[in-house]
Amino acid sequence: MNFTKNTALGLAGLCMAGLALAGDISGVKIEPASTQVGAAVKVIISGTDEGICGLRVEYGNGDVDVTKMSKGKDDFPRSFSKTYNKPGTYTVIAKGGRDGSTFGCNGEAKAQVVVAEAPKPAAAAAPVAAAPMAAAACPEGFLLNSKSVNKKTGAYTCNAKKGAIKPEKALACPAGTEYFATPKGSSLGCRVPRAAARK
């Protein structure tokens, strides 16, 4: 096949026309512009749709997306989802990029996204110290019966020593329990009310 000067000029004109019909990249928007490690952001590339061209998106961390733009099919604006796994400030660049036999889009645009370290999980709350044994609640002359202590309800019994005198005032009992004392005062303490114990 013989190429004349006119043929060459014609091909050059077609190529120029093809380039002129490529889409133009006009902007990059990142939503949100501030995020944290592991959270996705939306990268929106805007431009004009004039033909078929290749769009290259560089995310600033070495990751790249290349896609074909085609008027009426893959129009601007074009959105991408991106997640970063390290904190930092990243510059996202949208520009032309060859996609197979498709020439790159015209123009270039940039935007930045700030990625913060993800918050650390809240430290486990320190275990609540177990309520002290009720020995201190026994009045003078009485000893705590350790077998009677119920850590769940707070009930306990104090046994009188020889010569102990039953106190005039009732003991201050934990919530959900009531004070009791035997008629002769040989034992006293706090117990779950009988009506509640039967439920």
N, C-alpha and C. Protein backbone atom coordinates (compact mmCIF):
# COMPACT_ATOMS: atom_id res chain seq x y z
N MET A 1 0.86 -1.20 0.00
CA MET A 1 0.00 0.00 0.00
C MET A 1 0.89 1.23 0.00
N ASN A 2 0.65 2.18 -0.92
CA ASN A 2 1.47 3.38 -1.03
C ASN A 2 0.81 4.54 -0.27
N PHE A 3 1.61 5.20 0.58
CA PHE A 3 1.11 6.35 1.32
C PHE A 3 1.59 7.62 0.64
N THR A 4 0.68 8.47 0.30
CA THR A 4 1.06 9.76 -0.28
C THR A 4 1.13 10.79 0.83
N LYS A 5 1.59 11.95 0.48
CA LYS A 5 1.66 13.05 1.44
C LYS A 5 0.27 13.39 1.96
N ASN A 6 -0.69 13.36 1.06
CA ASN A 6 -2.07 13.67 1.45
C ASN A 6 -2.63 12.63 2.41
N THR A 7 -2.26 11.34 2.16
CA THR A 7 -2.72 10.27 3.06
C THR A 7 -2.14 10.47 4.45
N ALA A 8 -0.86 10.79 4.50
CA ALA A 8 -0.20 11.01 5.79
C ALA A 8 -0.85 12.17 6.52
N LEU A 9 -1.12 13.24 5.79
CA LEU A 9 -1.77 14.40 6.42
C LEU A 9 -3.17 14.05 6.90
N GLY A 10 -3.84 13.21 6.11
CA GLY A 10 -5.19 12.79 6.50
C GLY A 10 -5.18 11.98 7.78
N LEU A 11 -4.21 11.05 7.89
CA LEU A 11 -4.09 10.24 9.11
C LEU A 11 -3.74 11.11 10.30
N ALA A 12 -2.83 12.04 10.08
CA ALA A 12 -2.46 12.95 11.18
C ALA A 12 -3.67 13.74 11.63
N GLY A 13 -4.48 14.16 10.66
CA GLY A 13 -5.68 14.92 11.01
C GLY A 13 -6.67 14.09 11.80
N LEU A 14 -6.80 12.82 11.42
CA LEU A 14 -7.70 11.93 12.16
C LEU A 14 -7.20 11.73 13.59
N CYS A 15 -5.90 11.55 13.74
CA CYS A 15 -5.34 11.38 15.09
C CYS A 15 -5.59 12.61 15.93
N MET A 16 -5.37 13.79 15.33
CA MET A 16 -5.60 15.03 16.07
C MET A 16 -7.07 15.17 16.44
N ALA A 17 -7.91 14.77 15.51
CA ALA A 17 -9.35 14.84 15.80
C ALA A 17 -9.72 13.90 16.92
N GLY A 18 -9.08 12.71 16.91
CA GLY A 18 -9.34 11.74 17.99
C GLY A 18 -8.91 12.28 19.33
N LEU A 19 -7.73 12.94 19.35
CA LEU A 19 -7.25 13.52 20.61
C LEU A 19 -8.16 14.65 21.06
N ALA A 20 -8.64 15.40 20.09
CA ALA A 20 -9.50 16.52 20.44
C ALA A 20 -10.83 16.04 21.00
N LEU A 21 -11.24 14.82 20.58
CA LEU A 21 -12.50 14.28 21.07
C LEU A 21 -12.37 13.55 22.40
N ALA A 22 -11.13 13.47 22.92
CA ALA A 22 -10.95 12.81 24.21
C ALA A 22 -11.58 13.65 25.32
N GLY A 23 -12.01 12.97 26.39
CA GLY A 23 -12.60 13.69 27.52
C GLY A 23 -11.56 14.52 28.24
N ASP A 24 -12.01 15.57 28.90
CA ASP A 24 -11.12 16.45 29.67
C ASP A 24 -11.37 16.28 31.16
N ILE A 25 -10.31 16.03 31.92
CA ILE A 25 -10.39 15.92 33.39
C ILE A 25 -10.35 17.34 33.95
N SER A 26 -11.31 17.66 34.83
CA SER A 26 -11.36 19.02 35.35
C SER A 26 -11.22 19.12 36.87
N GLY A 27 -11.42 18.04 37.60
CA GLY A 27 -11.30 18.16 39.05
C GLY A 27 -11.35 16.83 39.79
N VAL A 28 -10.86 16.88 41.03
CA VAL A 28 -10.91 15.72 41.94
C VAL A 28 -11.52 16.20 43.25
N LYS A 29 -12.47 15.45 43.75
CA LYS A 29 -13.07 15.77 45.06
C LYS A 29 -13.04 14.50 45.90
N ILE A 30 -12.65 14.64 47.18
CA ILE A 30 -12.59 13.49 48.08
C ILE A 30 -13.55 13.71 49.23
N GLU A 31 -14.41 12.75 49.46
CA GLU A 31 -15.42 12.84 50.54
C GLU A 31 -15.31 11.63 51.46
N PRO A 32 -15.04 11.84 52.76
CA PRO A 32 -14.63 13.11 53.35
C PRO A 32 -13.15 13.36 53.10
N ALA A 33 -12.73 14.62 53.24
CA ALA A 33 -11.33 14.97 52.98
C ALA A 33 -10.43 14.56 54.15
N SER A 34 -11.04 14.29 55.30
CA SER A 34 -10.30 13.78 56.47
C SER A 34 -10.96 12.49 56.90
N THR A 35 -10.14 11.47 57.12
CA THR A 35 -10.68 10.16 57.49
C THR A 35 -9.71 9.48 58.43
N GLN A 36 -9.90 8.20 58.66
CA GLN A 36 -8.99 7.44 59.51
C GLN A 36 -8.67 6.11 58.85
N VAL A 37 -7.61 5.51 59.33
CA VAL A 37 -7.16 4.24 58.77
C VAL A 37 -8.31 3.23 58.79
N GLY A 38 -8.50 2.57 57.65
CA GLY A 38 -9.53 1.53 57.56
C GLY A 38 -10.90 2.03 57.13
N ALA A 39 -11.10 3.35 57.08
CA ALA A 39 -12.40 3.90 56.68
C ALA A 39 -12.33 4.32 55.21
N ALA A 40 -13.34 3.96 54.44
CA ALA A 40 -13.34 4.25 53.00
C ALA A 40 -13.67 5.71 52.73
N VAL A 41 -13.03 6.27 51.70
CA VAL A 41 -13.37 7.60 51.21
C VAL A 41 -13.86 7.45 49.77
N LYS A 42 -14.60 8.44 49.31
CA LYS A 42 -15.12 8.45 47.93
C LYS A 42 -14.31 9.46 47.13
N VAL A 43 -13.69 8.99 46.06
CA VAL A 43 -12.91 9.85 45.18
C VAL A 43 -13.75 10.11 43.93
N ILE A 44 -14.08 11.38 43.69
CA ILE A 44 -14.96 11.75 42.57
C ILE A 44 -14.14 12.54 41.55
N ILE A 45 -14.06 12.02 40.33
CA ILE A 45 -13.35 12.68 39.25
C ILE A 45 -14.37 13.35 38.33
N SER A 46 -14.24 14.65 38.13
CA SER A 46 -15.16 15.37 37.24
C SER A 46 -14.45 15.74 35.95
N GLY A 47 -15.22 15.96 34.92
CA GLY A 47 -14.66 16.31 33.63
C GLY A 47 -15.75 16.46 32.59
N THR A 48 -15.33 16.62 31.33
CA THR A 48 -16.28 16.74 30.24
C THR A 48 -16.21 15.48 29.38
N ASP A 49 -17.36 15.07 28.92
CA ASP A 49 -17.46 13.84 28.12
C ASP A 49 -17.49 14.21 26.64
N GLU A 50 -16.40 13.90 25.95
CA GLU A 50 -16.33 14.23 24.52
C GLU A 50 -16.00 13.01 23.67
N GLY A 51 -15.66 11.92 24.27
CA GLY A 51 -15.29 10.75 23.48
C GLY A 51 -14.78 9.64 24.37
N ILE A 52 -13.93 8.80 23.83
CA ILE A 52 -13.37 7.67 24.57
C ILE A 52 -11.94 8.01 24.98
N CYS A 53 -11.62 7.79 26.26
CA CYS A 53 -10.25 8.03 26.73
C CYS A 53 -9.99 7.21 27.98
N GLY A 54 -8.71 7.06 28.31
CA GLY A 54 -8.33 6.31 29.50
C GLY A 54 -8.10 7.24 30.68
N LEU A 55 -8.67 6.90 31.82
CA LEU A 55 -8.53 7.70 33.05
C LEU A 55 -7.65 6.94 34.04
N ARG A 56 -6.62 7.61 34.54
CA ARG A 56 -5.71 7.01 35.52
C ARG A 56 -5.84 7.77 36.83
N VAL A 57 -6.11 7.04 37.91
CA VAL A 57 -6.22 7.66 39.23
C VAL A 57 -5.12 7.09 40.13
N GLU A 58 -4.25 7.97 40.61
CA GLU A 58 -3.15 7.58 41.51
C GLU A 58 -3.53 8.07 42.91
N TYR A 59 -3.51 7.14 43.88
CA TYR A 59 -4.02 7.46 45.22
C TYR A 59 -2.95 7.96 46.18
N GLY A 60 -1.71 8.05 45.75
CA GLY A 60 -0.66 8.60 46.61
C GLY A 60 0.04 7.60 47.49
N ASN A 61 -0.44 6.36 47.49
CA ASN A 61 0.19 5.31 48.30
C ASN A 61 0.72 4.17 47.42
N GLY A 62 0.80 4.43 46.12
CA GLY A 62 1.26 3.39 45.19
C GLY A 62 0.14 2.67 44.48
N ASP A 63 -1.09 2.82 44.98
CA ASP A 63 -2.24 2.17 44.33
C ASP A 63 -2.73 3.02 43.17
N VAL A 64 -3.13 2.34 42.09
CA VAL A 64 -3.58 3.04 40.88
C VAL A 64 -4.80 2.33 40.31
N ASP A 65 -5.73 3.12 39.77
CA ASP A 65 -6.86 2.60 39.00
C ASP A 65 -6.79 3.20 37.61
N VAL A 66 -6.94 2.36 36.57
CA VAL A 66 -7.02 2.85 35.19
C VAL A 66 -8.32 2.32 34.61
N THR A 67 -9.12 3.21 34.05
CA THR A 67 -10.41 2.81 33.51
C THR A 67 -10.70 3.58 32.23
N LYS A 68 -11.55 3.02 31.40
CA LYS A 68 -11.91 3.66 30.12
C LYS A 68 -13.16 4.52 30.33
N MET A 69 -13.07 5.75 29.83
CA MET A 69 -14.22 6.65 29.85
C MET A 69 -14.81 6.68 28.45
N SER A 70 -16.12 6.63 28.35
CA SER A 70 -16.79 6.59 27.05
C SER A 70 -18.08 7.39 27.14
N LYS A 71 -18.20 8.43 26.34
CA LYS A 71 -19.38 9.29 26.38
C LYS A 71 -20.65 8.47 26.18
N GLY A 72 -21.61 8.69 27.05
CA GLY A 72 -22.88 7.98 26.97
C GLY A 72 -22.88 6.64 27.68
N LYS A 73 -21.68 6.19 28.10
CA LYS A 73 -21.60 4.89 28.77
C LYS A 73 -20.91 5.02 30.12
N ASP A 74 -19.67 5.50 30.11
CA ASP A 74 -18.90 5.72 31.34
C ASP A 74 -18.60 7.20 31.43
N ASP A 75 -19.62 7.97 31.78
CA ASP A 75 -19.50 9.43 31.79
C ASP A 75 -18.87 9.95 33.08
N PHE A 76 -18.34 11.18 33.00
CA PHE A 76 -17.96 11.93 34.19
C PHE A 76 -19.24 12.43 34.85
N PRO A 77 -19.29 12.63 36.15
CA PRO A 77 -18.21 12.32 37.10
C PRO A 77 -18.10 10.81 37.34
N ARG A 78 -16.89 10.40 37.66
CA ARG A 78 -16.61 8.98 37.92
C ARG A 78 -16.17 8.84 39.37
N SER A 79 -16.74 7.88 40.09
CA SER A 79 -16.44 7.72 41.52
C SER A 79 -15.67 6.43 41.78
N PHE A 80 -14.77 6.51 42.75
CA PHE A 80 -13.98 5.36 43.20
C PHE A 80 -14.01 5.33 44.73
N SER A 81 -13.95 4.14 45.29
CA SER A 81 -13.88 3.98 46.75
C SER A 81 -12.46 3.57 47.11
N LYS A 82 -11.91 4.23 48.13
CA LYS A 82 -10.52 3.96 48.52
C LYS A 82 -10.39 3.88 50.03
N THR A 83 -9.60 2.91 50.50
CA THR A 83 -9.31 2.75 51.94
C THR A 83 -7.80 2.77 52.12
N TYR A 84 -7.33 3.54 53.08
CA TYR A 84 -5.90 3.61 53.38
C TYR A 84 -5.60 2.83 54.65
N ASN A 85 -4.44 2.14 54.66
CA ASN A 85 -4.10 1.34 55.85
C ASN A 85 -2.98 1.94 56.69
N LYS A 86 -2.55 3.16 56.32
CA LYS A 86 -1.55 3.87 57.12
C LYS A 86 -1.93 5.33 57.23
N PRO A 87 -1.64 5.97 58.37
CA PRO A 87 -1.96 7.39 58.49
C PRO A 87 -1.02 8.23 57.64
N GLY A 88 -1.46 9.43 57.28
CA GLY A 88 -0.64 10.34 56.49
C GLY A 88 -1.50 11.25 55.64
N THR A 89 -0.83 12.12 54.87
CA THR A 89 -1.52 12.99 53.93
C THR A 89 -1.19 12.49 52.53
N TYR A 90 -2.22 12.15 51.78
CA TYR A 90 -2.04 11.57 50.45
C TYR A 90 -2.58 12.50 49.38
N THR A 91 -1.83 12.62 48.28
CA THR A 91 -2.27 13.41 47.13
C THR A 91 -2.83 12.47 46.07
N VAL A 92 -4.09 12.66 45.76
CA VAL A 92 -4.76 11.85 44.73
C VAL A 92 -4.68 12.61 43.41
N ILE A 93 -4.17 11.96 42.38
CA ILE A 93 -4.00 12.60 41.08
C ILE A 93 -4.85 11.87 40.04
N ALA A 94 -5.64 12.62 39.29
CA ALA A 94 -6.41 12.08 38.17
C ALA A 94 -5.79 12.63 36.90
N LYS A 95 -5.44 11.76 35.96
CA LYS A 95 -4.84 12.20 34.70
C LYS A 95 -5.10 11.16 33.63
N GLY A 96 -4.66 11.48 32.43
CA GLY A 96 -4.85 10.54 31.34
C GLY A 96 -3.95 9.33 31.52
N GLY A 97 -4.47 8.18 31.15
CA GLY A 97 -3.70 6.95 31.23
C GLY A 97 -4.16 6.00 30.14
N ARG A 98 -3.23 5.44 29.43
CA ARG A 98 -3.59 4.56 28.32
C ARG A 98 -4.25 3.30 28.87
N ASP A 99 -5.36 2.93 28.27
CA ASP A 99 -6.07 1.70 28.65
C ASP A 99 -6.17 0.84 27.39
N GLY A 100 -5.23 -0.08 27.25
CA GLY A 100 -5.18 -0.88 26.03
C GLY A 100 -4.84 0.00 24.85
N SER A 101 -5.73 0.03 23.88
CA SER A 101 -5.50 0.85 22.69
C SER A 101 -6.10 2.25 22.83
N THR A 102 -6.70 2.52 24.00
CA THR A 102 -7.34 3.82 24.22
C THR A 102 -6.34 4.83 24.75
N PHE A 103 -6.28 6.01 24.11
CA PHE A 103 -5.39 7.07 24.56
C PHE A 103 -5.92 7.67 25.86
N GLY A 104 -5.02 8.34 26.60
CA GLY A 104 -5.41 8.94 27.87
C GLY A 104 -6.27 10.17 27.71
N CYS A 105 -7.07 10.42 28.74
CA CYS A 105 -7.89 11.63 28.76
C CYS A 105 -6.98 12.85 28.86
N ASN A 106 -7.51 14.01 28.48
CA ASN A 106 -6.76 15.26 28.59
C ASN A 106 -6.89 15.84 29.99
N GLY A 107 -5.88 16.59 30.39
CA GLY A 107 -5.94 17.30 31.65
C GLY A 107 -5.45 16.50 32.84
N GLU A 108 -5.37 17.20 33.96
CA GLU A 108 -4.91 16.58 35.21
C GLU A 108 -5.48 17.38 36.37
N ALA A 109 -5.82 16.69 37.45
CA ALA A 109 -6.34 17.36 38.65
C ALA A 109 -5.86 16.62 39.89
N LYS A 110 -5.77 17.36 41.01
CA LYS A 110 -5.26 16.77 42.25
C LYS A 110 -6.13 17.18 43.43
N ALA A 111 -6.07 16.37 44.48
CA ALA A 111 -6.71 16.70 45.76
C ALA A 111 -6.01 15.91 46.84
N GLN A 112 -6.11 16.39 48.07
CA GLN A 112 -5.45 15.71 49.18
C GLN A 112 -6.47 15.13 50.15
N VAL A 113 -6.07 14.03 50.77
CA VAL A 113 -6.87 13.42 51.83
C VAL A 113 -5.96 13.19 53.03
N VAL A 114 -6.45 13.54 54.20
CA VAL A 114 -5.69 13.36 55.44
C VAL A 114 -6.23 12.14 56.17
N VAL A 115 -5.35 11.19 56.42
CA VAL A 115 -5.76 9.94 57.07
C VAL A 115 -5.13 9.88 58.46
N ALA A 116 -5.97 9.80 59.48
CA ALA A 116 -5.50 9.74 60.86
C ALA A 116 -5.47 8.30 61.35
N GLU A 117 -4.71 8.09 62.39
CA GLU A 117 -4.64 6.76 63.00
C GLU A 117 -6.02 6.42 63.55
N ALA A 118 -6.44 5.18 63.38
CA ALA A 118 -7.74 4.76 63.92
C ALA A 118 -7.67 4.76 65.44
N PRO A 119 -8.74 5.18 66.12
CA PRO A 119 -8.71 5.19 67.58
C PRO A 119 -8.52 3.79 68.13
N LYS A 120 -7.73 3.72 69.18
CA LYS A 120 -7.48 2.41 69.79
C LYS A 120 -8.70 1.99 70.60
N PRO A 121 -8.95 0.68 70.68
CA PRO A 121 -10.09 0.22 71.48
C PRO A 121 -9.95 0.70 72.91
N ALA A 122 -11.06 1.05 73.50
CA ALA A 122 -11.03 1.50 74.90
C ALA A 122 -10.49 0.39 75.79
N ALA A 123 -9.64 0.79 76.72
CA ALA A 123 -9.06 -0.19 77.63
C ALA A 123 -10.18 -0.79 78.48
N ALA A 124 -10.03 -2.05 78.76
CA ALA A 124 -11.04 -2.73 79.58
C ALA A 124 -11.07 -2.08 80.96
N ALA A 125 -12.25 -1.87 81.45
CA ALA A 125 -12.38 -1.25 82.76
C ALA A 125 -11.75 -2.13 83.82
N ALA A 126 -11.09 -1.49 84.75
CA ALA A 126 -10.46 -2.24 85.83
C ALA A 126 -11.53 -2.97 86.60
N PRO A 127 -11.26 -4.22 86.95
CA PRO A 127 -12.29 -4.96 87.69
C PRO A 127 -12.62 -4.28 89.00
N VAL A 128 -13.88 -4.26 89.29
CA VAL A 128 -14.32 -3.65 90.55
C VAL A 128 -13.87 -4.53 91.70
N ALA A 129 -13.24 -3.91 92.66
CA ALA A 129 -12.75 -4.69 93.80
C ALA A 129 -13.92 -5.34 94.51
N ALA A 130 -13.73 -6.56 94.90
CA ALA A 130 -14.79 -7.29 95.59
C ALA A 130 -15.08 -6.60 96.92
N ALA A 131 -16.33 -6.59 97.26
CA ALA A 131 -16.70 -5.98 98.53
C ALA A 131 -15.99 -6.70 99.67
N PRO A 132 -15.44 -5.95 100.61
CA PRO A 132 -14.72 -6.60 101.70
C PRO A 132 -15.66 -7.50 102.51
N MET A 133 -15.07 -8.49 103.10
CA MET A 133 -15.86 -9.37 103.96
C MET A 133 -16.54 -8.53 105.03
N ALA A 134 -17.64 -9.02 105.51
CA ALA A 134 -18.47 -8.22 106.42
C ALA A 134 -18.00 -8.26 107.86
N ALA A 135 -16.73 -8.66 108.10
CA ALA A 135 -16.25 -8.78 109.49
C ALA A 135 -16.41 -7.47 110.24
N ALA A 136 -16.10 -6.34 109.54
CA ALA A 136 -16.16 -5.05 110.21
C ALA A 136 -17.58 -4.68 110.58
N ALA A 137 -18.59 -5.32 109.96
CA ALA A 137 -19.97 -5.00 110.24
C ALA A 137 -20.47 -5.68 111.51
N CYS A 138 -19.71 -6.66 111.96
CA CYS A 138 -20.13 -7.32 113.21
C CYS A 138 -19.83 -6.40 114.39
N PRO A 139 -20.77 -6.25 115.29
CA PRO A 139 -20.55 -5.37 116.45
C PRO A 139 -19.53 -5.98 117.42
N GLU A 140 -19.08 -5.17 118.34
CA GLU A 140 -18.07 -5.62 119.31
C GLU A 140 -18.62 -6.80 120.11
N GLY A 141 -17.79 -7.81 120.26
CA GLY A 141 -18.20 -9.01 120.99
C GLY A 141 -18.79 -10.08 120.10
N PHE A 142 -18.88 -9.84 118.80
CA PHE A 142 -19.43 -10.82 117.86
C PHE A 142 -18.39 -11.15 116.79
N LEU A 143 -18.40 -12.40 116.33
CA LEU A 143 -17.48 -12.86 115.29
C LEU A 143 -18.27 -13.23 114.04
N LEU A 144 -17.66 -12.94 112.89
CA LEU A 144 -18.30 -13.26 111.63
C LEU A 144 -18.26 -14.77 111.40
N ASN A 145 -19.42 -15.34 111.04
CA ASN A 145 -19.48 -16.73 110.63
C ASN A 145 -19.16 -16.75 109.12
N SER A 146 -17.91 -17.09 108.78
CA SER A 146 -17.47 -17.00 107.38
C SER A 146 -18.31 -17.86 106.44
N LYS A 147 -18.85 -18.96 106.93
CA LYS A 147 -19.68 -19.82 106.08
C LYS A 147 -21.02 -19.18 105.74
N SER A 148 -21.39 -18.16 106.49
CA SER A 148 -22.70 -17.54 106.27
C SER A 148 -22.64 -16.42 105.23
N VAL A 149 -21.44 -16.02 104.85
CA VAL A 149 -21.29 -14.87 103.94
C VAL A 149 -21.75 -15.25 102.53
N ASN A 150 -22.68 -14.47 102.00
CA ASN A 150 -23.15 -14.66 100.62
C ASN A 150 -22.71 -13.43 99.82
N LYS A 151 -21.67 -13.62 98.98
CA LYS A 151 -21.12 -12.48 98.22
C LYS A 151 -22.13 -11.92 97.22
N LYS A 152 -23.06 -12.74 96.80
CA LYS A 152 -24.03 -12.30 95.81
C LYS A 152 -25.08 -11.38 96.43
N THR A 153 -25.60 -11.77 97.59
CA THR A 153 -26.67 -10.98 98.20
C THR A 153 -26.17 -10.02 99.27
N GLY A 154 -24.96 -10.28 99.82
CA GLY A 154 -24.44 -9.45 100.89
C GLY A 154 -24.88 -9.90 102.28
N ALA A 155 -25.59 -11.04 102.35
CA ALA A 155 -26.07 -11.54 103.64
C ALA A 155 -24.92 -12.14 104.45
N TYR A 156 -24.99 -12.04 105.78
CA TYR A 156 -23.98 -12.64 106.66
C TYR A 156 -24.55 -12.77 108.08
N THR A 157 -23.88 -13.57 108.90
CA THR A 157 -24.30 -13.79 110.29
C THR A 157 -23.12 -13.59 111.22
N CYS A 158 -23.36 -12.94 112.34
CA CYS A 158 -22.34 -12.74 113.38
C CYS A 158 -22.77 -13.55 114.61
N ASN A 159 -21.83 -14.30 115.18
CA ASN A 159 -22.12 -15.09 116.38
C ASN A 159 -21.50 -14.43 117.61
N ALA A 160 -22.29 -14.45 118.71
CA ALA A 160 -21.85 -13.77 119.93
C ALA A 160 -20.75 -14.56 120.64
N LYS A 161 -19.75 -13.81 121.13
CA LYS A 161 -18.74 -14.42 122.00
C LYS A 161 -19.35 -14.52 123.41
N LYS A 162 -18.64 -15.22 124.25
CA LYS A 162 -19.13 -15.37 125.64
C LYS A 162 -19.20 -14.00 126.29
N GLY A 163 -20.34 -13.70 126.85
CA GLY A 163 -20.52 -12.44 127.56
C GLY A 163 -20.87 -11.26 126.66
N ALA A 164 -21.03 -11.50 125.32
CA ALA A 164 -21.36 -10.40 124.41
C ALA A 164 -22.76 -9.89 124.68
N ILE A 165 -22.92 -8.58 124.51
CA ILE A 165 -24.22 -7.95 124.71
C ILE A 165 -24.78 -7.52 123.36
N LYS A 166 -26.03 -7.86 123.13
CA LYS A 166 -26.69 -7.51 121.88
C LYS A 166 -26.77 -5.99 121.77
N PRO A 167 -26.32 -5.40 120.63
CA PRO A 167 -26.35 -3.94 120.48
C PRO A 167 -27.78 -3.41 120.44
N GLU A 168 -27.94 -2.17 120.90
CA GLU A 168 -29.26 -1.57 120.91
C GLU A 168 -29.71 -1.20 119.49
N LYS A 169 -28.76 -0.78 118.66
CA LYS A 169 -29.12 -0.36 117.30
C LYS A 169 -28.96 -1.51 116.32
N ALA A 170 -29.82 -1.54 115.31
CA ALA A 170 -29.72 -2.55 114.26
C ALA A 170 -28.51 -2.26 113.38
N LEU A 171 -27.95 -3.29 112.80
CA LEU A 171 -26.83 -3.13 111.87
C LEU A 171 -27.30 -2.47 110.58
N ALA A 172 -26.38 -1.75 109.91
CA ALA A 172 -26.68 -1.18 108.58
C ALA A 172 -26.43 -2.30 107.57
N CYS A 173 -27.50 -2.78 106.97
CA CYS A 173 -27.40 -3.93 106.06
C CYS A 173 -27.32 -3.49 104.60
N PRO A 174 -26.66 -4.30 103.76
CA PRO A 174 -26.60 -3.98 102.32
C PRO A 174 -28.00 -3.96 101.70
N ALA A 175 -28.13 -3.25 100.59
CA ALA A 175 -29.42 -3.18 99.90
C ALA A 175 -29.89 -4.58 99.54
N GLY A 176 -31.18 -4.83 99.71
CA GLY A 176 -31.76 -6.13 99.40
C GLY A 176 -31.73 -7.10 100.57
N THR A 177 -31.15 -6.67 101.69
CA THR A 177 -31.13 -7.53 102.89
C THR A 177 -31.77 -6.78 104.05
N GLU A 178 -32.07 -7.53 105.13
CA GLU A 178 -32.65 -6.90 106.32
C GLU A 178 -31.92 -7.39 107.57
N TYR A 179 -31.95 -6.57 108.58
CA TYR A 179 -31.30 -6.91 109.85
C TYR A 179 -32.13 -7.97 110.58
N PHE A 180 -31.41 -8.88 111.24
CA PHE A 180 -32.09 -9.86 112.10
C PHE A 180 -31.22 -10.11 113.33
N ALA A 181 -31.89 -10.58 114.40
CA ALA A 181 -31.18 -10.97 115.62
C ALA A 181 -32.02 -12.03 116.33
N THR A 182 -31.34 -13.03 116.89
CA THR A 182 -32.08 -14.07 117.63
C THR A 182 -32.58 -13.46 118.93
N PRO A 183 -33.66 -14.02 119.50
CA PRO A 183 -34.25 -13.43 120.71
C PRO A 183 -33.24 -13.24 121.84
N LYS A 184 -32.33 -14.17 122.03
CA LYS A 184 -31.35 -14.04 123.12
C LYS A 184 -30.08 -13.31 122.68
N GLY A 185 -30.01 -12.96 121.38
CA GLY A 185 -28.85 -12.21 120.91
C GLY A 185 -27.62 -13.05 120.68
N SER A 186 -27.79 -14.37 120.54
CA SER A 186 -26.62 -15.23 120.32
C SER A 186 -26.07 -15.08 118.90
N SER A 187 -26.92 -14.62 117.99
CA SER A 187 -26.46 -14.35 116.62
C SER A 187 -27.31 -13.23 116.01
N LEU A 188 -26.70 -12.51 115.11
CA LEU A 188 -27.38 -11.41 114.42
C LEU A 188 -26.68 -11.19 113.08
N GLY A 189 -27.27 -10.33 112.28
CA GLY A 189 -26.64 -10.06 110.98
C GLY A 189 -27.64 -9.54 109.97
N CYS A 190 -27.34 -9.79 108.72
CA CYS A 190 -28.19 -9.33 107.62
C CYS A 190 -28.59 -10.54 106.78
N ARG A 191 -29.85 -10.60 106.40
CA ARG A 191 -30.31 -11.73 105.60
C ARG A 191 -31.27 -11.25 104.53
N VAL A 192 -31.47 -12.09 103.52
CA VAL A 192 -32.45 -11.79 102.48
C VAL A 192 -33.83 -11.95 103.10
N PRO A 193 -34.71 -11.00 102.94
CA PRO A 193 -36.06 -11.13 103.51
C PRO A 193 -36.69 -12.46 103.08
N ARG A 194 -37.37 -13.09 103.97
CA ARG A 194 -37.93 -14.41 103.67
C ARG A 194 -38.88 -14.37 102.48
N ALA A 195 -39.68 -13.32 102.37
CA ALA A 195 -40.62 -13.21 101.25
C ALA A 195 -39.86 -13.20 99.93
N ALA A 196 -38.74 -12.48 99.90
CA ALA A 196 -37.95 -12.39 98.67
C ALA A 196 -37.25 -13.71 98.39
N ALA A 197 -36.81 -14.40 99.44
CA ALA A 197 -36.10 -15.66 99.29
C ALA A 197 -37.01 -16.73 98.71
N ARG A 198 -38.34 -16.63 98.98
CA ARG A 198 -39.28 -17.63 98.49
C ARG A 198 -39.60 -17.46 97.02
N LYS A 199 -39.32 -16.26 96.43
CA LYS A 199 -39.63 -16.00 95.02
C LYS A 199 -38.73 -16.80 94.11
